[in-house]
Protein backbone atom coordinates (compact mmCIF):
# COMPACT_ATOMS: atom_id res chain seq x y z
CA MET A 1 19.93 -11.66 5.16
CA ASP A 2 16.24 -11.91 4.20
CA GLN A 3 15.19 -8.49 2.99
CA SER A 4 11.44 -9.10 4.22
CA ALA A 5 12.55 -9.41 7.54
CA MET A 6 12.17 -6.46 9.71
CA THR A 7 12.10 -5.13 13.31
CA ILE A 8 9.69 -2.63 14.93
CA PHE A 9 11.67 -1.01 17.92
CA VAL A 10 9.16 0.45 20.33
CA CYS A 11 10.42 2.89 22.88
CA VAL A 12 9.37 1.93 26.38
CA SER A 13 11.15 4.81 28.31
CA CYS A 14 8.57 7.48 27.58
CA ARG A 15 5.49 7.75 29.74
CA GLY A 16 2.30 9.98 29.28
CA GLN A 17 0.71 11.27 32.29
CA GLY A 18 -0.42 8.94 34.92
CA GLU A 19 1.41 5.97 33.23
CA GLY A 20 3.74 3.57 35.22
CA GLU A 21 6.97 2.00 34.21
CA GLY A 22 7.00 1.06 30.33
CA GLY A 23 3.84 3.18 30.09
CA SER A 24 2.25 3.57 26.55
CA GLY A 25 5.34 1.95 25.10
CA LEU A 26 4.89 -1.33 26.73
CA ALA A 27 1.23 -1.52 26.07
CA LEU A 28 2.01 -0.90 22.51
CA VAL A 29 4.63 -3.62 22.24
CA ASN A 30 2.27 -6.36 23.60
CA ALA A 31 -0.57 -5.16 21.43
CA LEU A 32 1.55 -5.18 18.42
CA ARG A 33 2.90 -8.64 19.20
CA ASP A 34 -0.57 -10.00 19.68
CA LYS A 35 -1.74 -8.37 16.36
CA PHE A 36 1.02 -9.83 14.19
CA ALA A 37 0.55 -13.22 15.71
CA ALA A 38 -3.18 -13.21 14.98
CA ALA A 39 -2.39 -12.04 11.32
CA SER A 40 0.12 -14.72 11.01
CA ALA A 41 2.64 -12.13 9.95
CA GLU A 42 6.00 -13.54 9.23
CA GLY A 43 9.33 -11.70 9.49
CA VAL A 44 8.01 -8.86 11.81
CA ALA A 45 9.53 -8.71 15.14
CA VAL A 46 8.54 -6.31 17.85
CA LYS A 47 11.09 -5.21 20.31
CA PRO A 48 11.05 -2.96 23.28
CA VAL A 49 13.88 -0.63 23.35
CA GLU A 50 15.25 2.03 25.91
CA CYS A 51 14.76 5.57 24.94
CA LEU A 52 14.78 6.50 21.23
CA ALA A 53 15.23 10.17 22.16
CA VAL A 54 11.81 11.33 21.12
CA CYS A 55 10.40 12.12 24.71
CA LYS A 56 8.11 14.70 23.70
CA ARG A 57 6.15 12.52 21.51
CA PRO A 58 5.40 9.19 23.06
CA ALA A 59 5.06 6.46 22.00
CA THR A 60 7.84 6.19 19.33
CA VAL A 61 8.54 3.45 17.06
CA ALA A 62 11.49 2.69 14.62
CA MET A 63 10.91 0.51 11.72
CA VAL A 64 14.24 -1.05 10.63
CA GLY A 65 15.05 -3.75 7.89
CA ALA A 66 18.34 -4.80 6.19
CA GLY A 67 19.29 -2.61 3.43
CA LYS A 68 16.04 -0.21 3.89
CA TRP A 69 15.63 3.23 5.28
CA THR A 70 14.57 3.39 8.85
CA TYR A 71 11.42 5.39 9.80
CA LEU A 72 11.22 6.79 13.35
CA VAL A 73 7.61 7.75 14.12
CA GLY A 74 6.16 9.42 17.10
CA ASP A 75 2.74 10.33 18.86
CA LEU A 76 1.41 6.61 18.72
CA THR A 77 -0.67 4.80 20.95
CA ALA A 78 -2.07 1.10 21.26
CA ALA A 79 -5.50 2.47 21.51
CA ASP A 80 -5.62 4.73 18.38
CA HIS A 81 -3.04 3.45 15.99
CA LEU A 82 -2.51 -0.24 16.30
CA ASP A 83 -4.21 -1.00 12.85
CA GLU A 84 -2.34 1.91 11.12
CA ILE A 85 1.14 0.92 12.69
CA VAL A 86 0.45 -2.65 11.31
CA GLU A 87 -0.62 -1.23 7.95
CA ALA A 88 2.55 0.80 7.69
CA ALA A 89 4.76 -2.09 8.82
CA LEU A 90 3.42 -4.32 6.12
CA SER A 91 3.88 -1.68 3.52
CA TYR A 92 7.55 -1.19 4.81
CA GLN A 93 8.17 -5.04 4.65
CA ARG A 94 7.01 -5.35 1.05
CA SER A 95 8.96 -2.35 -0.08
CA GLU A 96 12.33 -2.92 -1.75
CA ASN A 97 14.20 -0.20 0.05
CA GLY A 98 11.94 0.70 3.01
CA ILE A 99 10.52 3.96 1.33
CA VAL A 100 6.83 3.92 1.87
CA PRO A 101 5.12 6.38 -0.82
CA TRP A 102 3.43 9.18 0.89
CA LYS A 103 -0.06 8.29 -0.20
CA GLU A 104 0.20 4.74 1.03
CA ARG A 105 1.17 5.98 4.60
CA PRO A 106 -1.50 5.98 7.23
CA ALA A 107 -2.45 9.52 8.65
CA SER A 108 -0.51 8.88 11.89
CA PHE A 109 2.60 8.27 9.88
CA ARG A 110 2.12 11.29 7.67
CA LYS A 111 1.89 13.32 10.85
CA GLY A 112 4.37 11.53 13.18
CA VAL A 113 7.39 11.00 10.97
CA VAL A 114 10.23 12.24 13.14
CA ALA A 115 13.06 10.94 10.74
CA ARG A 116 13.71 8.82 7.91
CA ILE A 117 17.35 7.55 8.07
CA PRO A 118 19.29 6.05 5.18
CA PRO A 119 20.75 2.55 5.36
CA LEU A 120 24.41 1.69 6.04
CA GLY A 121 26.49 2.01 2.92
CA PHE A 122 23.91 4.48 1.30
CA GLU A 123 25.34 6.69 -1.35
CA ILE A 124 23.39 9.18 -3.14
CA GLN A 125 23.73 9.12 -6.95
CA GLU A 126 25.08 12.54 -7.86
CA GLN A 127 23.71 14.19 -11.05
CA GLN A 128 26.21 14.80 -13.70
CA THR A 129 26.65 18.43 -14.52
CA THR A 130 27.82 19.56 -18.00
């Protein structure tokens, strides 16, 4: 599988006050798709998903790639964070293992990370004790 291919899942279940079906998540899906298409970014898929179970922090995205750590990030909007999401996604895509160094993360990702989940098959390298 292509290591540079990644998916950004965007929760479309949560809604902020006054938002209709799909709310801020659906707006974010559409804005991200447009932004990546305009940038001719290859290997980045943006897909809506039902409930990422972070309902108190809409909109929430998950960045996923084969053999990479997954990031779950909340408190994002198309109006305020679109460029930061794209920046973070491209850093994630370029990384070998999905781990984006703290200093390279946009402010919304530093504040909004809900979880970082290891890839399938991950095993920690235990330190030898003598």
